[in-house]
């Protein structure tokens, strides 16, 4: 079972600290593909606007690659959405 954390505030900081100490396993998860499809934006168009390859967008959407902070913020601006509605931490088995 996993717990979803919606923001990167004090609670997330505490969980990240615990993860660094080996107590928890955390993953960054995103809703980019879902949001992009809801907005009917082709992946190639989004990749071009963000100045990355379509292959990079595919890897990010599939969770195989975490975008840099800069790219993550660009994605949030591109969608005109708060960062924490796109990205969140997920707590797994530790």
C-alpha atoms as a PDB file:
ATOM      1  CA  UNK A   1       0.000   0.000   0.000  1.00  0.00           C
ATOM      2  CA  UNK A   2       1.244   3.489  -0.778  1.00  0.00           C
ATOM      3  CA  UNK A   3       0.573   6.883   0.722  1.00  0.00           C
ATOM      4  CA  UNK A   4       0.316   9.879  -1.556  1.00  0.00           C
ATOM      5  CA  UNK A   5       1.745  13.179  -0.380  1.00  0.00           C
ATOM      6  CA  UNK A   6       0.247  16.222  -2.055  1.00  0.00           C
ATOM      7  CA  UNK A   7       2.769  18.941  -1.346  1.00  0.00           C
ATOM      8  CA  UNK A   8       6.438  19.456  -0.773  1.00  0.00           C
ATOM      9  CA  UNK A   9       6.063  21.012   2.678  1.00  0.00           C
ATOM     10  CA  UNK A  10       7.303  20.055   6.130  1.00  0.00           C
ATOM     11  CA  UNK A  11       5.734  16.581   6.088  1.00  0.00           C
ATOM     12  CA  UNK A  12       7.390  15.757   2.780  1.00  0.00           C
ATOM     13  CA  UNK A  13      10.701  17.056   4.106  1.00  0.00           C
ATOM     14  CA  UNK A  14      10.396  14.764   7.116  1.00  0.00           C
ATOM     15  CA  UNK A  15       9.621  11.767   4.905  1.00  0.00           C
ATOM     16  CA  UNK A  16      12.510  12.553   2.577  1.00  0.00           C
ATOM     17  CA  UNK A  17      14.793  12.787   5.596  1.00  0.00           C
ATOM     18  CA  UNK A  18      13.517   9.410   6.823  1.00  0.00           C
ATOM     19  CA  UNK A  19      14.064   7.985   3.345  1.00  0.00           C
ATOM     20  CA  UNK A  20      17.651   9.209   3.351  1.00  0.00           C
ATOM     21  CA  UNK A  21      18.091   7.423   6.674  1.00  0.00           C
ATOM     22  CA  UNK A  22      16.720   4.217   5.159  1.00  0.00           C
ATOM     23  CA  UNK A  23      13.350   4.225   6.928  1.00  0.00           C
ATOM     24  CA  UNK A  24      11.110   4.774   3.898  1.00  0.00           C
ATOM     25  CA  UNK A  25      11.163   4.411   0.130  1.00  0.00           C
ATOM     26  CA  UNK A  26       9.843   7.444  -1.759  1.00  0.00           C
ATOM     27  CA  UNK A  27       9.158   7.945  -5.439  1.00  0.00           C
ATOM     28  CA  UNK A  28       8.308  11.031  -7.468  1.00  0.00           C
ATOM     29  CA  UNK A  29       5.127  10.403  -9.447  1.00  0.00           C
ATOM     30  CA  UNK A  30       3.525  12.643 -12.046  1.00  0.00           C
ATOM     31  CA  UNK A  31       0.236  13.093 -13.897  1.00  0.00           C
ATOM     32  CA  UNK A  32       1.755  14.646 -17.024  1.00  0.00           C
ATOM     33  CA  UNK A  33       0.326  12.196 -19.536  1.00  0.00           C
ATOM     34  CA  UNK A  34      -3.167  12.333 -18.005  1.00  0.00           C
ATOM     35  CA  UNK A  35      -3.181  16.139 -17.958  1.00  0.00           C
ATOM     36  CA  UNK A  36      -1.715  16.394 -21.465  1.00  0.00           C
ATOM     37  CA  UNK A  37      -4.342  14.026 -22.858  1.00  0.00           C
ATOM     38  CA  UNK A  38      -7.187  15.816 -21.022  1.00  0.00           C
ATOM     39  CA  UNK A  39      -6.014  19.073 -22.604  1.00  0.00           C
ATOM     40  CA  UNK A  40      -5.691  17.310 -25.975  1.00  0.00           C
ATOM     41  CA  UNK A  41      -2.066  18.340 -26.393  1.00  0.00           C
ATOM     42  CA  UNK A  42       0.043  16.114 -28.655  1.00  0.00           C
ATOM     43  CA  UNK A  43       3.182  14.864 -26.955  1.00  0.00           C
ATOM     44  CA  UNK A  44       5.350  16.136 -29.818  1.00  0.00           C
ATOM     45  CA  UNK A  45       3.870  19.641 -29.477  1.00  0.00           C
ATOM     46  CA  UNK A  46       4.509  19.717 -25.715  1.00  0.00           C
ATOM     47  CA  UNK A  47       8.054  18.434 -26.153  1.00  0.00           C
ATOM     48  CA  UNK A  48       8.762  21.122 -28.740  1.00  0.00           C
ATOM     49  CA  UNK A  49       7.358  23.869 -26.474  1.00  0.00           C
ATOM     50  CA  UNK A  50       9.499  22.648 -23.561  1.00  0.00           C
ATOM     51  CA  UNK A  51      12.567  22.225 -25.801  1.00  0.00           C
ATOM     52  CA  UNK A  52      13.036  18.532 -25.055  1.00  0.00           C
ATOM     53  CA  UNK A  53      12.776  15.461 -27.263  1.00  0.00           C
ATOM     54  CA  UNK A  54       9.593  13.445 -27.596  1.00  0.00           C
ATOM     55  CA  UNK A  55      11.567  10.507 -26.207  1.00  0.00           C
ATOM     56  CA  UNK A  56      12.346  12.526 -23.076  1.00  0.00           C
ATOM     57  CA  UNK A  57       8.650  13.320 -22.645  1.00  0.00           C
ATOM     58  CA  UNK A  58       7.814   9.621 -23.038  1.00  0.00           C
ATOM     59  CA  UNK A  59      10.360   8.666 -20.364  1.00  0.00           C
ATOM     60  CA  UNK A  60       9.044  11.338 -17.981  1.00  0.00           C
ATOM     61  CA  UNK A  61       5.417  10.343 -18.527  1.00  0.00           C
ATOM     62  CA  UNK A  62       6.230   6.673 -17.888  1.00  0.00           C
ATOM     63  CA  UNK A  63       8.145   7.512 -14.704  1.00  0.00           C
ATOM     64  CA  UNK A  64      11.427   6.204 -16.094  1.00  0.00           C
ATOM     65  CA  UNK A  65      13.049   9.633 -15.777  1.00  0.00           C
ATOM     66  CA  UNK A  66      12.464  12.456 -13.307  1.00  0.00           C
ATOM     67  CA  UNK A  67      12.728  15.868 -14.919  1.00  0.00           C
ATOM     68  CA  UNK A  68      15.056  18.462 -13.460  1.00  0.00           C
ATOM     69  CA  UNK A  69      13.552  21.045 -11.137  1.00  0.00           C
ATOM     70  CA  UNK A  70      13.797  23.610 -13.944  1.00  0.00           C
ATOM     71  CA  UNK A  71      11.946  21.368 -16.405  1.00  0.00           C
ATOM     72  CA  UNK A  72       9.366  20.442 -13.758  1.00  0.00           C
ATOM     73  CA  UNK A  73       8.611  24.120 -13.179  1.00  0.00           C
ATOM     74  CA  UNK A  74       8.391  24.700 -16.942  1.00  0.00           C
ATOM     75  CA  UNK A  75       5.872  21.844 -17.174  1.00  0.00           C
ATOM     76  CA  UNK A  76       3.769  23.393 -14.406  1.00  0.00           C
ATOM     77  CA  UNK A  77       3.878  26.771 -16.208  1.00  0.00           C
ATOM     78  CA  UNK A  78       3.044  25.109 -19.544  1.00  0.00           C
ATOM     79  CA  UNK A  79      -0.075  23.536 -18.043  1.00  0.00           C
ATOM     80  CA  UNK A  80      -0.768  26.686 -15.986  1.00  0.00           C
ATOM     81  CA  UNK A  81      -1.207  24.456 -12.937  1.00  0.00           C
ATOM     82  CA  UNK A  82       0.313  24.301  -9.462  1.00  0.00           C
ATOM     83  CA  UNK A  83       3.393  22.101  -9.269  1.00  0.00           C
ATOM     84  CA  UNK A  84       1.847  19.818  -6.648  1.00  0.00           C
ATOM     85  CA  UNK A  85      -1.124  19.006  -8.889  1.00  0.00           C
ATOM     86  CA  UNK A  86       1.301  17.495 -11.399  1.00  0.00           C
ATOM     87  CA  UNK A  87       4.041  15.982  -9.230  1.00  0.00           C
ATOM     88  CA  UNK A  88       3.872  14.293  -5.837  1.00  0.00           C
ATOM     89  CA  UNK A  89       5.819  11.954  -3.605  1.00  0.00           C
ATOM     90  CA  UNK A  90       4.572   8.444  -3.117  1.00  0.00           C
ATOM     91  CA  UNK A  91       5.586   6.449  -0.083  1.00  0.00           C
ATOM     92  CA  UNK A  92       6.143   2.765  -0.693  1.00  0.00           C
ATOM     93  CA  UNK A  93       7.267  -0.122   1.423  1.00  0.00           C
ATOM     94  CA  UNK A  94      10.402   0.688   3.364  1.00  0.00           C
END
